[in-house]
Amino acid sequence: MSYRNPVWIIVLALFFARAHAAEPHRPSEAEFNNLPPYCKAKLISRIGSADYRQWEGALGKDFVHTHHYCFALNFINRYYRSRSAQEKNFNLNSAMNNLDYMITHADPGYSLMPEIYQNRGLVRALIGRHGEAVADMNKAIELNPHQVKAYNVLADHYGSTRQQQKALETIMEGLRYNPDVRSLQRRYTELGGKLPYPEPIQPGPVDASASSPKAEALPPAAPVEAAPAEAPAGIGDAAPTASQEPAKDSKIGSPTNPYCRFCPD
């Protein structure tokens, strides 16, 4: 029997497609290590347990929907580990479906909403829907001006489309809200910005609903340069899976997934 027969080729292709689709929807124990800590509380802890109640109190009532966001972040991480175009498309589409669910079902004021828009923008960029990606990044910034990754992605997009002034203005705005972030400072210099850096906006009372709980300690990842083969055309280093950058260090992610907020070094 020859496996070069076209019929066998189709059968084998369907077999491998089914095998991939059958990969557990739920993150593995190793994958949980690269997700925010609240994902374990949502997906593993019993409703009403101390761990569950702690995160529900920190994030808000729409924590009930947050397993969809955790699934989305995990599918983004899987995308960066994928080897075939089929796997990449499957993981991106799965991430998009879960992010869309969060945006349509959670309250617009939900504490994770800035990150959700930011990561949907990343997925849209990877798919090639750059106009929609820009809209999502702008929405993330509108909801929380401390979303560093969104400024970086927007500036890289404008730079790649030869809108240098717009790229510089985006980074300047980012620095006003995030004056000590190195990735913003680096882009400011590369785009021709002159010292001193833009005058910071005077910090006001911190709105707890504008960002994720401190326990995340995330980057997500603060963006690092993605490999040319992986970076979406017109969109540079972003950054979580699938998500805020440490105040003074832009190093995040891993060599294979520069956008993962929780990946080990």
Protein backbone atom coordinates (compact mmCIF):
# COMPACT_ATOMS: atom_id res chain seq x y z
CA MET A 1 0.00 0.00 0.00
CA SER A 2 1.45 3.36 -1.03
CA TYR A 3 1.00 6.35 1.24
CA ARG A 4 1.71 8.59 -1.77
CA ASN A 5 -1.80 7.94 -3.00
CA PRO A 6 -3.74 11.26 -2.91
CA VAL A 7 -6.53 9.62 -0.93
CA TRP A 8 -4.09 8.57 1.80
CA ILE A 9 -2.58 12.04 1.87
CA ILE A 10 -6.02 13.51 2.58
CA VAL A 11 -6.75 10.87 5.23
CA LEU A 12 -3.45 11.52 7.00
CA ALA A 13 -3.99 15.29 6.86
CA LEU A 14 -7.42 14.89 8.45
CA PHE A 15 -5.95 12.57 11.09
CA PHE A 16 -3.30 15.07 12.15
CA ALA A 17 -5.82 17.92 12.09
CA ARG A 18 -8.13 15.93 14.38
CA ALA A 19 -5.20 15.03 16.66
CA HIS A 20 -4.30 18.70 17.02
CA ALA A 21 -7.88 19.81 17.58
CA ALA A 22 -8.14 17.17 20.28
CA GLU A 23 -5.41 18.84 22.34
CA PRO A 24 -6.93 19.57 25.75
CA HIS A 25 -8.64 22.95 25.86
CA ARG A 26 -7.61 23.28 29.48
CA PRO A 27 -3.99 24.34 30.11
CA SER A 28 -1.54 21.69 31.25
CA GLU A 29 0.32 22.03 34.53
CA ALA A 30 3.36 23.34 32.65
CA GLU A 31 1.20 25.83 30.75
CA PHE A 32 -0.30 27.16 33.98
CA ASN A 33 3.23 28.30 34.93
CA ASN A 34 3.09 30.77 32.03
CA LEU A 35 -0.33 32.17 32.89
CA PRO A 36 -1.44 34.73 35.52
CA PRO A 37 -1.96 33.19 38.97
CA TYR A 38 -5.69 33.89 38.90
CA CYS A 39 -6.07 31.35 36.07
CA LYS A 40 -5.41 28.45 38.42
CA ALA A 41 -7.90 29.88 40.89
CA LYS A 42 -10.55 30.14 38.17
CA LEU A 43 -9.92 26.81 36.45
CA ILE A 44 -8.88 24.56 39.33
CA SER A 45 -10.06 25.97 42.66
CA ARG A 46 -13.59 25.29 43.79
CA ILE A 47 -16.07 28.16 43.60
CA GLY A 48 -16.27 29.60 47.09
CA SER A 49 -12.80 28.42 48.09
CA ALA A 50 -10.47 30.93 49.76
CA ASP A 51 -8.30 31.19 46.63
CA TYR A 52 -11.31 31.70 44.37
CA ARG A 53 -12.85 34.33 46.65
CA GLN A 54 -9.53 36.18 46.93
CA TRP A 55 -9.24 36.65 43.17
CA GLU A 56 -12.93 37.31 42.71
CA GLY A 57 -12.61 40.11 45.26
CA ALA A 58 -9.48 41.50 43.59
CA LEU A 59 -10.71 41.39 39.99
CA GLY A 60 -14.45 41.94 40.34
CA LYS A 61 -17.72 40.15 39.70
CA ASP A 62 -16.83 39.34 36.10
CA PHE A 63 -14.19 36.96 37.37
CA VAL A 64 -16.91 34.42 36.56
CA HIS A 65 -16.06 34.85 32.84
CA THR A 66 -12.29 35.00 33.22
CA HIS A 67 -11.58 31.39 32.26
CA HIS A 68 -12.15 32.56 28.67
CA TYR A 69 -9.36 35.11 29.04
CA CYS A 70 -7.08 32.44 30.51
CA PHE A 71 -7.86 30.15 27.57
CA ALA A 72 -7.07 33.02 25.18
CA LEU A 73 -3.70 33.70 26.80
CA ASN A 74 -2.84 30.02 26.64
CA PHE A 75 -3.78 29.78 22.96
CA ILE A 76 -1.52 32.78 22.26
CA ASN A 77 1.31 30.98 24.03
CA ARG A 78 0.57 27.84 22.02
CA TYR A 79 0.68 29.89 18.85
CA TYR A 80 4.31 30.76 19.52
CA ARG A 81 5.14 27.10 20.05
CA SER A 82 3.31 25.97 16.92
CA ARG A 83 5.26 24.55 14.02
CA SER A 84 2.70 24.38 11.23
CA ALA A 85 0.53 27.05 9.65
CA GLN A 86 -2.50 24.95 10.53
CA GLU A 87 -1.60 24.92 14.22
CA LYS A 88 -0.88 28.64 14.23
CA ASN A 89 -4.24 29.44 12.63
CA PHE A 90 -6.09 27.13 15.01
CA ASN A 91 -4.52 28.74 18.08
CA LEU A 92 -5.02 32.31 16.87
CA ASN A 93 -8.67 31.70 15.98
CA SER A 94 -9.25 29.99 19.33
CA ALA A 95 -7.65 32.93 21.16
CA MET A 96 -9.77 35.40 19.17
CA ASN A 97 -13.02 33.56 19.99
CA ASN A 98 -12.27 33.66 23.71
CA LEU A 99 -11.21 37.32 23.66
CA ASP A 100 -14.36 38.25 21.74
CA TYR A 101 -16.39 36.41 24.37
CA MET A 102 -14.80 38.44 27.16
CA ILE A 103 -15.48 41.74 25.41
CA THR A 104 -19.11 40.88 24.70
CA HIS A 105 -19.93 39.27 28.06
CA ALA A 106 -17.85 41.08 30.72
CA ASP A 107 -18.67 44.58 31.91
CA PRO A 108 -16.76 47.30 29.98
CA GLY A 109 -15.35 48.47 33.30
CA TYR A 110 -13.97 45.06 34.27
CA SER A 111 -10.46 45.40 35.69
CA LEU A 112 -8.86 43.14 33.06
CA MET A 113 -10.52 44.84 30.10
CA PRO A 114 -7.47 46.97 29.13
CA GLU A 115 -5.38 43.80 28.87
CA ILE A 116 -8.13 42.00 26.99
CA TYR A 117 -8.25 44.71 24.32
CA GLN A 118 -4.46 44.81 24.20
CA ASN A 119 -4.21 41.07 23.59
CA ARG A 120 -7.02 41.06 21.05
CA GLY A 121 -5.08 43.76 19.24
CA LEU A 122 -2.03 41.50 19.27
CA VAL A 123 -4.01 38.55 17.86
CA ARG A 124 -5.56 40.74 15.18
CA ALA A 125 -2.10 41.96 14.22
CA LEU A 126 -0.81 38.39 13.96
CA ILE A 127 -3.76 37.51 11.75
CA GLY A 128 -3.04 40.55 9.58
CA ARG A 129 -6.02 42.72 10.55
CA HIS A 130 -3.84 45.72 11.34
CA GLY A 131 -6.50 48.43 11.26
CA GLU A 132 -8.55 46.59 13.86
CA ALA A 133 -5.38 45.87 15.84
CA VAL A 134 -4.62 49.59 16.06
CA ALA A 135 -8.18 50.30 17.20
CA ASP A 136 -7.88 47.71 19.97
CA MET A 137 -4.52 49.07 21.16
CA ASN A 138 -5.94 52.59 21.28
CA LYS A 139 -8.91 51.29 23.26
CA ALA A 140 -6.54 49.59 25.71
CA ILE A 141 -4.67 52.88 26.22
CA GLU A 142 -7.94 54.77 26.62
CA LEU A 143 -8.96 52.38 29.40
CA ASN A 144 -5.55 52.36 31.05
CA PRO A 145 -2.74 54.69 29.88
CA HIS A 146 -0.20 52.46 31.63
CA GLN A 147 -0.55 49.67 29.05
CA VAL A 148 3.07 49.90 27.86
CA LYS A 149 2.82 47.13 25.30
CA ALA A 150 0.05 48.99 23.46
CA TYR A 151 2.25 52.08 22.97
CA ASN A 152 5.12 49.94 21.72
CA VAL A 153 2.97 48.02 19.25
CA LEU A 154 1.37 51.20 17.91
CA ALA A 155 4.70 52.98 17.53
CA ASP A 156 6.24 50.00 15.74
CA HIS A 157 3.25 49.86 13.41
CA TYR A 158 3.47 53.55 12.57
CA GLY A 159 7.22 53.25 12.07
CA SER A 160 6.82 50.31 9.70
CA THR A 161 4.31 52.32 7.64
CA ARG A 162 6.66 55.32 7.50
CA GLN A 163 4.63 57.47 9.86
CA GLN A 164 7.66 58.42 11.93
CA GLN A 165 6.14 61.52 13.52
CA LYS A 166 3.07 59.60 14.60
CA ALA A 167 5.29 56.86 16.02
CA LEU A 168 7.28 59.42 18.02
CA GLU A 169 4.11 61.11 19.31
CA THR A 170 2.81 57.71 20.47
CA ILE A 171 6.00 56.98 22.41
CA MET A 172 6.02 60.48 23.89
CA GLU A 173 2.49 59.92 25.18
CA GLY A 174 3.54 56.59 26.61
CA LEU A 175 6.49 58.16 28.43
CA ARG A 176 4.29 60.81 30.00
CA TYR A 177 2.38 58.05 31.78
CA ASN A 178 5.26 55.58 32.12
CA PRO A 179 8.42 57.72 32.45
CA ASP A 180 10.80 55.00 33.67
CA VAL A 181 10.06 52.23 31.16
CA ARG A 182 13.17 51.36 29.19
CA SER A 183 11.45 50.02 26.08
CA LEU A 184 9.68 53.37 25.65
CA GLN A 185 12.88 55.30 26.31
CA ARG A 186 14.74 53.20 23.73
CA ARG A 187 12.13 53.79 21.04
CA TYR A 188 12.07 57.49 21.86
CA THR A 189 15.80 57.71 21.13
CA GLU A 190 15.58 55.52 18.00
CA LEU A 191 12.80 57.73 16.62
CA GLY A 192 14.90 60.87 17.07
CA GLY A 193 13.53 62.13 20.34
CA LYS A 194 15.74 64.58 22.22
CA LEU A 195 16.56 64.59 25.91
CA PRO A 196 15.15 65.30 28.35
CA TYR A 197 12.30 62.84 28.02
CA PRO A 198 8.76 64.24 27.91
CA GLU A 199 7.53 65.75 31.16
CA PRO A 200 5.67 63.07 33.16
CA ILE A 201 2.02 63.56 33.93
CA GLN A 202 1.60 64.19 37.64
CA PRO A 203 0.45 60.92 39.19
CA GLY A 204 -3.00 61.02 40.69
CA PRO A 205 -4.90 58.53 42.86
CA VAL A 206 -4.46 55.02 41.50
CA ASP A 207 -7.67 53.57 40.14
CA ALA A 208 -7.66 49.91 41.16
CA SER A 209 -9.96 49.08 38.26
CA ALA A 210 -7.47 50.38 35.71
CA SER A 211 -4.97 47.57 36.00
CA SER A 212 -4.58 44.02 37.17
CA PRO A 213 -3.84 43.20 40.80
CA LYS A 214 -0.27 43.62 41.94
CA ALA A 215 -0.01 39.89 42.41
CA GLU A 216 0.42 39.47 38.68
CA ALA A 217 3.86 41.00 38.74
CA LEU A 218 3.79 40.61 35.08
CA PRO A 219 5.08 41.65 32.14
CA PRO A 220 3.33 40.36 30.50
CA ALA A 221 5.50 40.72 28.90
CA ALA A 222 7.15 43.72 28.07
CA PRO A 223 7.92 43.56 24.46
CA VAL A 224 11.08 42.27 23.00
CA GLU A 225 11.81 42.01 19.36
CA ALA A 226 10.03 39.11 17.74
CA ALA A 227 11.80 37.01 15.16
CA PRO A 228 11.03 38.27 11.66
CA ALA A 229 9.27 35.04 10.79
CA GLU A 230 6.92 35.40 13.71
CA ALA A 231 6.28 39.13 13.85
CA PRO A 232 3.06 40.26 12.19
CA ALA A 233 3.70 42.41 9.15
CA GLY A 234 3.60 46.03 10.19
CA ILE A 235 3.53 45.26 13.89
CA GLY A 236 6.71 45.11 15.88
CA ASP A 237 7.50 43.90 19.37
CA ALA A 238 4.48 44.13 21.54
CA ALA A 239 3.63 42.11 24.31
CA PRO A 240 0.19 37.25 26.76
CA THR A 241 -0.37 36.57 26.61
CA ALA A 242 -1.63 36.86 26.82
CA SER A 243 -1.08 42.09 28.79
CA GLN A 244 1.64 45.71 31.69
CA GLU A 245 5.33 45.97 31.74
CA PRO A 246 7.55 46.26 34.83
CA ALA A 247 8.21 49.88 35.61
CA LYS A 248 11.95 49.86 35.01
CA ASP A 249 12.77 46.76 33.01
CA SER A 250 11.48 45.95 29.56
CA LYS A 251 12.87 42.41 29.50
CA ILE A 252 10.00 39.97 29.18
CA GLY A 253 8.87 36.86 27.50
CA SER A 254 11.09 34.15 26.12
CA PRO A 255 13.07 33.70 22.89
CA THR A 256 10.15 31.86 21.28
CA ASN A 257 7.35 34.00 22.70
CA PRO A 258 8.23 37.66 23.25
CA TYR A 259 4.66 38.45 24.24
CA CYS A 260 4.28 36.00 27.13
CA ARG A 261 3.96 37.82 30.42
CA PHE A 262 4.60 34.86 32.62
CA CYS A 263 7.04 32.68 30.72
CA PRO A 264 10.23 31.71 32.60
CA ASP A 265 13.49 33.22 31.38
